[in-house]
Amino acid sequence: MAAILYFCTQRTAAFRHFEVIRRKYTMPPTPVDKVILGIDPGTNMLGYGILHVRGRKTEMEAMGIIDLRKVSDGYLKLGRIHERVLGIIEAYHPDEMAIEAPFFGKNIQSMLKLGRAQGVAIAAAISRDIPIHEYAPMKIKMAITGNGSASKEQVADMLRRMLHLRDEQMLPYMDATDALAAAYCHFLQGWRDMHTSDAPHSWAALARKQGKMSATQATNPQQKLIQLLKK
């Protein structure tokens, strides 16, 4: 009887130790304060959105479009994109860029033009040493609405609700809200990564992380418990 009580006491102490370690790995990270620039590339209209992240709170600082419909020459359009994106970077000093990846369509020429516009925007960010993160359109829609096939209007409406945007802050151009959605998708991805990276998700995982001894080294109840959890 005494032996059983002793083992139960030691096992309780071991579980308390595991709980301390588990809390260490799952404690909220240091509050974040950063600015994310979202870009929805396009050759006629390029959307941009500025998202300010303060810990768990997010605020839309600006969003808009770069209207290129009156520029007829393709190379002049690329130059205008580079110039305007640099201007946005200088104005808001983003810490990171989230950009929508070109989708695969049947029109090869459209894909080529879209890829060039994306590349120029990326080059502008690279020239200012801004980290770049690329997200597929379906992933952005999934992150914002929970539906990878959501319409642009559904994405815009969900952003309006989540960021508490007023009607006068909403623009008639979906390119702007798509860009803001890319920025918000990156915020969600970063928050998820901070909370899941290097964090044990079970007692067994925690035991594998903490326990490095072999079965022959397990000489007390705590070590034996670790060995059992590792199996």
C-alpha atoms as a PDB file:
ATOM      1  CA  MET A   1       0.000   0.000   0.000  1.00  0.00           C
ATOM      2  CA  ALA A   2       2.781   2.404   0.900  1.00  0.00           C
ATOM      3  CA  ALA A   3       4.520   1.641  -2.394  1.00  0.00           C
ATOM      4  CA  ILE A   4       1.343   2.434  -4.349  1.00  0.00           C
ATOM      5  CA  LEU A   5       0.871   5.726  -2.518  1.00  0.00           C
ATOM      6  CA  TYR A   6       4.515   6.612  -3.133  1.00  0.00           C
ATOM      7  CA  PHE A   7       4.201   5.904  -6.859  1.00  0.00           C
ATOM      8  CA  CYS A   8       0.953   7.934  -7.127  1.00  0.00           C
ATOM      9  CA  THR A   9       2.601  10.846  -5.318  1.00  0.00           C
ATOM     10  CA  GLN A  10       5.609  10.754  -7.623  1.00  0.00           C
ATOM     11  CA  ARG A  11       3.413  10.448 -10.697  1.00  0.00           C
ATOM     12  CA  THR A  12       1.387  13.507  -9.590  1.00  0.00           C
ATOM     13  CA  ALA A  13       4.616  15.472  -9.162  1.00  0.00           C
ATOM     14  CA  ALA A  14       5.741  14.416 -12.624  1.00  0.00           C
ATOM     15  CA  PHE A  15       2.467  15.523 -14.199  1.00  0.00           C
ATOM     16  CA  ARG A  16       2.756  18.866 -12.434  1.00  0.00           C
ATOM     17  CA  HIS A  17       6.208  19.246 -13.937  1.00  0.00           C
ATOM     18  CA  PHE A  18       4.823  18.447 -17.373  1.00  0.00           C
ATOM     19  CA  GLU A  19       2.074  21.032 -16.863  1.00  0.00           C
ATOM     20  CA  VAL A  20       4.662  23.716 -16.074  1.00  0.00           C
ATOM     21  CA  ILE A  21       6.618  22.835 -19.206  1.00  0.00           C
ATOM     22  CA  ARG A  22       3.459  22.702 -21.328  1.00  0.00           C
ATOM     23  CA  ARG A  23       2.443  26.164 -20.181  1.00  0.00           C
ATOM     24  CA  LYS A  24       5.914  27.426 -20.990  1.00  0.00           C
ATOM     25  CA  TYR A  25       5.543  26.330 -24.596  1.00  0.00           C
ATOM     26  CA  THR A  26       1.958  27.544 -24.970  1.00  0.00           C
ATOM     27  CA  MET A  27       2.212  30.949 -23.290  1.00  0.00           C
ATOM     28  CA  PRO A  28       1.146  33.831 -25.538  1.00  0.00           C
ATOM     29  CA  PRO A  29       4.101  35.282 -27.463  1.00  0.00           C
ATOM     30  CA  THR A  30       5.434  38.781 -27.028  1.00  0.00           C
ATOM     31  CA  PRO A  31       2.871  41.283 -28.385  1.00  0.00           C
ATOM     32  CA  VAL A  32       3.464  42.104 -32.046  1.00  0.00           C
ATOM     33  CA  ASP A  33       3.438  45.595 -33.517  1.00  0.00           C
ATOM     34  CA  LYS A  34       3.932  45.595 -37.260  1.00  0.00           C
ATOM     35  CA  VAL A  35       2.537  46.851 -40.538  1.00  0.00           C
ATOM     36  CA  ILE A  36       1.620  44.470 -43.355  1.00  0.00           C
ATOM     37  CA  LEU A  37       1.300  45.593 -46.955  1.00  0.00           C
ATOM     38  CA  GLY A  38      -1.106  43.499 -49.002  1.00  0.00           C
ATOM     39  CA  ILE A  39      -0.925  43.534 -52.798  1.00  0.00           C
ATOM     40  CA  ASP A  40      -3.404  42.231 -55.373  1.00  0.00           C
ATOM     41  CA  PRO A  41      -1.380  42.405 -58.598  1.00  0.00           C
ATOM     42  CA  GLY A  42      -2.961  43.499 -61.837  1.00  0.00           C
ATOM     43  CA  THR A  43      -2.039  45.248 -65.062  1.00  0.00           C
ATOM     44  CA  ASN A  44      -5.169  47.415 -65.286  1.00  0.00           C
ATOM     45  CA  MET A  45      -5.794  47.835 -61.573  1.00  0.00           C
ATOM     46  CA  LEU A  46      -3.429  46.884 -58.789  1.00  0.00           C
ATOM     47  CA  GLY A  47      -4.919  46.812 -55.317  1.00  0.00           C
ATOM     48  CA  TYR A  48      -3.111  47.546 -52.081  1.00  0.00           C
ATOM     49  CA  GLY A  49      -4.076  47.390 -48.426  1.00  0.00           C
ATOM     50  CA  ILE A  50      -2.245  48.450 -45.271  1.00  0.00           C
ATOM     51  CA  LEU A  51      -2.951  46.465 -42.104  1.00  0.00           C
ATOM     52  CA  HIS A  52      -1.549  47.569 -38.735  1.00  0.00           C
ATOM     53  CA  VAL A  53      -1.174  44.719 -36.249  1.00  0.00           C
ATOM     54  CA  ARG A  54      -0.952  45.450 -32.524  1.00  0.00           C
ATOM     55  CA  GLY A  55      -0.887  42.163 -30.657  1.00  0.00           C
ATOM     56  CA  ARG A  56      -4.206  40.492 -31.423  1.00  0.00           C
ATOM     57  CA  LYS A  57      -5.795  43.701 -32.702  1.00  0.00           C
ATOM     58  CA  THR A  58      -5.755  44.690 -36.353  1.00  0.00           C
ATOM     59  CA  GLU A  59      -6.650  47.972 -37.982  1.00  0.00           C
ATOM     60  CA  MET A  60      -6.921  48.952 -41.607  1.00  0.00           C
ATOM     61  CA  GLU A  61      -4.739  52.008 -42.144  1.00  0.00           C
ATOM     62  CA  ALA A  62      -5.341  52.441 -45.855  1.00  0.00           C
ATOM     63  CA  MET A  63      -6.431  50.653 -48.997  1.00  0.00           C
ATOM     64  CA  GLY A  64      -6.766  51.682 -52.577  1.00  0.00           C
ATOM     65  CA  ILE A  65      -5.892  50.941 -56.172  1.00  0.00           C
ATOM     66  CA  ILE A  66      -3.263  51.905 -58.686  1.00  0.00           C
ATOM     67  CA  ASP A  67      -5.335  52.664 -61.796  1.00  0.00           C
ATOM     68  CA  LEU A  68      -3.401  51.768 -64.935  1.00  0.00           C
ATOM     69  CA  ARG A  69      -6.272  51.685 -67.430  1.00  0.00           C
ATOM     70  CA  LYS A  70      -5.192  54.884 -69.153  1.00  0.00           C
ATOM     71  CA  VAL A  71      -1.604  53.690 -69.620  1.00  0.00           C
ATOM     72  CA  SER A  72      -1.433  51.991 -72.993  1.00  0.00           C
ATOM     73  CA  ASP A  73       2.204  50.864 -73.085  1.00  0.00           C
ATOM     74  CA  GLY A  74       2.852  47.644 -71.147  1.00  0.00           C
ATOM     75  CA  TYR A  75       6.327  48.652 -70.028  1.00  0.00           C
ATOM     76  CA  LEU A  76       5.137  52.046 -68.825  1.00  0.00           C
ATOM     77  CA  LYS A  77       2.548  50.201 -66.728  1.00  0.00           C
ATOM     78  CA  LEU A  78       5.298  48.180 -65.072  1.00  0.00           C
ATOM     79  CA  GLY A  79       7.276  51.337 -64.389  1.00  0.00           C
ATOM     80  CA  ARG A  80       4.212  52.988 -62.875  1.00  0.00           C
ATOM     81  CA  ILE A  81       3.598  49.961 -60.643  1.00  0.00           C
ATOM     82  CA  HIS A  82       7.176  50.027 -59.379  1.00  0.00           C
ATOM     83  CA  GLU A  83       7.039  53.773 -58.734  1.00  0.00           C
ATOM     84  CA  ARG A  84       3.677  53.697 -56.935  1.00  0.00           C
ATOM     85  CA  VAL A  85       4.443  50.627 -54.804  1.00  0.00           C
ATOM     86  CA  LEU A  86       7.686  52.279 -53.697  1.00  0.00           C
ATOM     87  CA  GLY A  87       5.687  55.373 -52.796  1.00  0.00           C
ATOM     88  CA  ILE A  88       3.306  53.291 -50.654  1.00  0.00           C
ATOM     89  CA  ILE A  89       6.274  51.648 -48.939  1.00  0.00           C
ATOM     90  CA  GLU A  90       7.852  55.015 -48.178  1.00  0.00           C
ATOM     91  CA  ALA A  91       4.557  56.347 -46.819  1.00  0.00           C
ATOM     92  CA  TYR A  92       3.600  53.453 -44.518  1.00  0.00           C
ATOM     93  CA  HIS A  93       6.915  51.681 -43.851  1.00  0.00           C
ATOM     94  CA  PRO A  94       5.529  48.116 -43.912  1.00  0.00           C
ATOM     95  CA  ASP A  95       7.434  45.377 -42.111  1.00  0.00           C
ATOM     96  CA  GLU A  96       6.210  42.631 -44.464  1.00  0.00           C
ATOM     97  CA  MET A  97       4.455  42.211 -47.775  1.00  0.00           C
ATOM     98  CA  ALA A  98       1.708  39.692 -48.512  1.00  0.00           C
ATOM     99  CA  ILE A  99       0.978  39.294 -52.210  1.00  0.00           C
ATOM    100  CA  GLU A 100      -1.580  37.223 -54.051  1.00  0.00           C
ATOM    101  CA  ALA A 101      -0.071  34.583 -56.333  1.00  0.00           C
ATOM    102  CA  PRO A 102      -1.147  34.642 -59.999  1.00  0.00           C
ATOM    103  CA  PHE A 103      -3.816  32.050 -60.695  1.00  0.00           C
ATOM    104  CA  PHE A 104      -3.478  29.534 -63.499  1.00  0.00           C
ATOM    105  CA  GLY A 105      -5.790  30.496 -66.353  1.00  0.00           C
ATOM    106  CA  LYS A 106      -6.256  29.485 -69.940  1.00  0.00           C
ATOM    107  CA  ASN A 107      -5.092  32.822 -71.350  1.00  0.00           C
ATOM    108  CA  ILE A 108      -1.303  32.594 -71.424  1.00  0.00           C
ATOM    109  CA  GLN A 109      -0.826  36.266 -72.306  1.00  0.00           C
ATOM    110  CA  SER A 110      -2.944  37.417 -69.348  1.00  0.00           C
ATOM    111  CA  MET A 111      -0.978  35.172 -67.008  1.00  0.00           C
ATOM    112  CA  LEU A 112       2.291  36.541 -68.352  1.00  0.00           C
ATOM    113  CA  LYS A 113       1.181  40.155 -67.830  1.00  0.00           C
ATOM    114  CA  LEU A 114      -0.088  39.389 -64.344  1.00  0.00           C
ATOM    115  CA  GLY A 115       3.175  37.653 -63.455  1.00  0.00           C
ATOM    116  CA  ARG A 116       5.144  40.678 -64.617  1.00  0.00           C
ATOM    117  CA  ALA A 117       3.028  43.005 -62.478  1.00  0.00           C
ATOM    118  CA  GLN A 118       3.549  40.765 -59.463  1.00  0.00           C
ATOM    119  CA  GLY A 119       7.290  40.586 -60.125  1.00  0.00           C
ATOM    120  CA  VAL A 120       7.643  44.364 -60.298  1.00  0.00           C
ATOM    121  CA  ALA A 121       5.754  44.803 -57.014  1.00  0.00           C
ATOM    122  CA  ILE A 122       7.987  42.167 -55.416  1.00  0.00           C
ATOM    123  CA  ALA A 123      11.087  43.906 -56.788  1.00  0.00           C
ATOM    124  CA  ALA A 124       9.969  47.158 -55.147  1.00  0.00           C
ATOM    125  CA  ALA A 125       9.682  45.390 -51.788  1.00  0.00           C
ATOM    126  CA  ILE A 126      13.038  43.645 -52.246  1.00  0.00           C
ATOM    127  CA  SER A 127      14.717  47.002 -52.908  1.00  0.00           C
ATOM    128  CA  ARG A 128      13.598  48.065 -49.413  1.00  0.00           C
ATOM    129  CA  ASP A 129      14.521  44.761 -47.737  1.00  0.00           C
ATOM    130  CA  ILE A 130      10.896  43.874 -46.978  1.00  0.00           C
ATOM    131  CA  PRO A 131      10.148  40.153 -46.462  1.00  0.00           C
ATOM    132  CA  ILE A 132       7.653  38.831 -49.013  1.00  0.00           C
ATOM    133  CA  HIS A 133       4.977  36.176 -48.499  1.00  0.00           C
ATOM    134  CA  GLU A 134       2.922  34.761 -51.347  1.00  0.00           C
ATOM    135  CA  TYR A 135      -0.559  33.271 -50.945  1.00  0.00           C
ATOM    136  CA  ALA A 136      -2.786  31.503 -53.430  1.00  0.00           C
ATOM    137  CA  PRO A 137      -6.190  33.139 -54.037  1.00  0.00           C
ATOM    138  CA  MET A 138      -7.993  30.067 -52.682  1.00  0.00           C
ATOM    139  CA  LYS A 139      -5.982  30.137 -49.451  1.00  0.00           C
ATOM    140  CA  ILE A 140      -6.772  33.817 -48.908  1.00  0.00           C
ATOM    141  CA  LYS A 141     -10.489  33.220 -49.440  1.00  0.00           C
ATOM    142  CA  MET A 142     -10.396  30.232 -47.107  1.00  0.00           C
ATOM    143  CA  ALA A 143      -8.645  32.247 -44.393  1.00  0.00           C
ATOM    144  CA  ILE A 144     -11.109  35.124 -44.589  1.00  0.00           C
ATOM    145  CA  THR A 145     -14.434  33.390 -45.226  1.00  0.00           C
ATOM    146  CA  GLY A 146     -13.809  29.693 -44.597  1.00  0.00           C
ATOM    147  CA  ASN A 147     -14.713  29.007 -48.234  1.00  0.00           C
ATOM    148  CA  GLY A 148     -12.011  28.728 -50.884  1.00  0.00           C
ATOM    149  CA  SER A 149     -14.585  29.432 -53.604  1.00  0.00           C
ATOM    150  CA  ALA A 150     -16.009  32.581 -52.023  1.00  0.00           C
ATOM    151  CA  SER A 151     -16.772  35.561 -54.252  1.00  0.00           C
ATOM    152  CA  LYS A 152     -14.904  38.846 -54.059  1.00  0.00           C
ATOM    153  CA  GLU A 153     -18.025  40.430 -52.601  1.00  0.00           C
ATOM    154  CA  GLN A 154     -18.148  37.842 -49.811  1.00  0.00           C
ATOM    155  CA  VAL A 155     -14.477  38.464 -48.994  1.00  0.00           C
ATOM    156  CA  ALA A 156     -15.065  42.226 -48.882  1.00  0.00           C
ATOM    157  CA  ASP A 157     -18.115  41.860 -46.633  1.00  0.00           C
ATOM    158  CA  MET A 158     -16.282  39.570 -44.216  1.00  0.00           C
ATOM    159  CA  LEU A 159     -13.353  42.002 -44.009  1.00  0.00           C
ATOM    160  CA  ARG A 160     -15.782  44.841 -43.299  1.00  0.00           C
ATOM    161  CA  ARG A 161     -17.174  42.875 -40.366  1.00  0.00           C
ATOM    162  CA  MET A 162     -13.862  41.652 -38.956  1.00  0.00           C
ATOM    163  CA  LEU A 163     -12.080  44.998 -39.201  1.00  0.00           C
ATOM    164  CA  HIS A 164     -15.165  47.036 -38.254  1.00  0.00           C
ATOM    165  CA  LEU A 165     -14.894  49.152 -41.376  1.00  0.00           C
ATOM    166  CA  ARG A 166     -17.378  51.940 -41.973  1.00  0.00           C
ATOM    167  CA  ASP A 167     -19.338  52.140 -45.203  1.00  0.00           C
ATOM    168  CA  GLU A 168     -17.368  55.188 -46.333  1.00  0.00           C
ATOM    169  CA  GLN A 169     -14.120  53.231 -45.899  1.00  0.00           C
ATOM    170  CA  MET A 170     -15.225  50.551 -48.340  1.00  0.00           C
ATOM    171  CA  LEU A 171     -14.239  51.061 -51.962  1.00  0.00           C
ATOM    172  CA  PRO A 172     -16.188  49.969 -55.029  1.00  0.00           C
ATOM    173  CA  TYR A 173     -13.065  48.252 -56.361  1.00  0.00           C
ATOM    174  CA  MET A 174     -12.655  44.632 -55.241  1.00  0.00           C
ATOM    175  CA  ASP A 175      -8.929  44.819 -56.054  1.00  0.00           C
ATOM    176  CA  ALA A 176      -8.418  46.931 -52.924  1.00  0.00           C
ATOM    177  CA  THR A 177     -10.312  44.567 -50.611  1.00  0.00           C
ATOM    178  CA  ASP A 178      -8.547  41.575 -52.189  1.00  0.00           C
ATOM    179  CA  ALA A 179      -5.224  43.196 -51.298  1.00  0.00           C
ATOM    180  CA  LEU A 180      -6.383  43.854 -47.738  1.00  0.00           C
ATOM    181  CA  ALA A 181      -7.512  40.223 -47.579  1.00  0.00           C
ATOM    182  CA  ALA A 182      -3.995  39.086 -48.504  1.00  0.00           C
ATOM    183  CA  ALA A 183      -2.594  41.164 -45.634  1.00  0.00           C
ATOM    184  CA  TYR A 184      -5.165  39.781 -43.186  1.00  0.00           C
ATOM    185  CA  CYS A 185      -4.487  36.232 -44.372  1.00  0.00           C
ATOM    186  CA  HIS A 186      -0.810  36.766 -43.579  1.00  0.00           C
ATOM    187  CA  PHE A 187      -1.694  38.101 -40.130  1.00  0.00           C
ATOM    188  CA  LEU A 188      -3.749  34.971 -39.411  1.00  0.00           C
ATOM    189  CA  GLN A 189      -0.976  32.723 -40.707  1.00  0.00           C
ATOM    190  CA  GLY A 190       1.628  34.449 -38.545  1.00  0.00           C
ATOM    191  CA  TRP A 191      -0.526  34.241 -35.420  1.00  0.00           C
ATOM    192  CA  ARG A 192      -1.143  30.541 -36.048  1.00  0.00           C
ATOM    193  CA  ASP A 193       2.574  29.880 -36.539  1.00  0.00           C
ATOM    194  CA  MET A 194       3.501  31.677 -33.298  1.00  0.00           C
ATOM    195  CA  HIS A 195       1.096  29.544 -31.313  1.00  0.00           C
ATOM    196  CA  THR A 196       1.902  26.177 -32.852  1.00  0.00           C
ATOM    197  CA  SER A 197       5.626  26.239 -33.581  1.00  0.00           C
ATOM    198  CA  ASP A 198       7.666  24.148 -31.146  1.00  0.00           C
ATOM    199  CA  ALA A 199       4.634  23.604 -28.889  1.00  0.00           C
ATOM    200  CA  PRO A 200       3.905  20.032 -27.720  1.00  0.00           C
ATOM    201  CA  HIS A 201       0.361  19.009 -28.605  1.00  0.00           C
ATOM    202  CA  SER A 202       0.097  16.003 -26.283  1.00  0.00           C
ATOM    203  CA  TRP A 203       1.668  14.478 -23.179  1.00  0.00           C
ATOM    204  CA  ALA A 204       3.487  12.009 -25.401  1.00  0.00           C
ATOM    205  CA  ALA A 205       4.906  14.825 -27.537  1.00  0.00           C
ATOM    206  CA  LEU A 206       5.994  16.676 -24.416  1.00  0.00           C
ATOM    207  CA  ALA A 207       7.665  13.530 -23.088  1.00  0.00           C
ATOM    208  CA  ARG A 208       9.534  13.051 -26.366  1.00  0.00           C
ATOM    209  CA  LYS A 209      10.706  16.668 -26.163  1.00  0.00           C
ATOM    210  CA  GLN A 210      11.793  16.542 -22.550  1.00  0.00           C
ATOM    211  CA  GLY A 211      12.814  12.936 -22.008  1.00  0.00           C
ATOM    212  CA  LYS A 212      16.093  11.933 -23.597  1.00  0.00           C
ATOM    213  CA  MET A 213      17.000   8.994 -21.369  1.00  0.00           C
ATOM    214  CA  SER A 214      16.780   5.377 -22.448  1.00  0.00           C
ATOM    215  CA  ALA A 215      14.745   2.693 -20.690  1.00  0.00           C
ATOM    216  CA  THR A 216      17.874   1.537 -18.813  1.00  0.00           C
ATOM    217  CA  GLN A 217      18.288   5.018 -17.351  1.00  0.00           C
ATOM    218  CA  ALA A 218      14.764   5.153 -15.908  1.00  0.00           C
ATOM    219  CA  THR A 219      15.481   4.665 -12.223  1.00  0.00           C
ATOM    220  CA  ASN A 220      12.621   6.572 -10.545  1.00  0.00           C
ATOM    221  CA  PRO A 221       8.859   6.851 -11.091  1.00  0.00           C
ATOM    222  CA  GLN A 222       9.094  10.177 -12.962  1.00  0.00           C
ATOM    223  CA  GLN A 223      11.576   8.772 -15.468  1.00  0.00           C
ATOM    224  CA  LYS A 224       9.540   5.589 -15.862  1.00  0.00           C
ATOM    225  CA  LEU A 225       6.458   7.680 -16.550  1.00  0.00           C
ATOM    226  CA  ILE A 226       8.340   9.590 -19.245  1.00  0.00           C
ATOM    227  CA  GLN A 227       9.344   6.327 -20.853  1.00  0.00           C
ATOM    228  CA  LEU A 228       5.761   5.090 -20.832  1.00  0.00           C
ATOM    229  CA  LEU A 229       4.500   8.311 -22.419  1.00  0.00           C
ATOM    230  CA  LYS A 230       7.140   8.100 -25.137  1.00  0.00           C
ATOM    231  CA  LYS A 231       5.766   4.785 -26.403  1.00  0.00           C
END
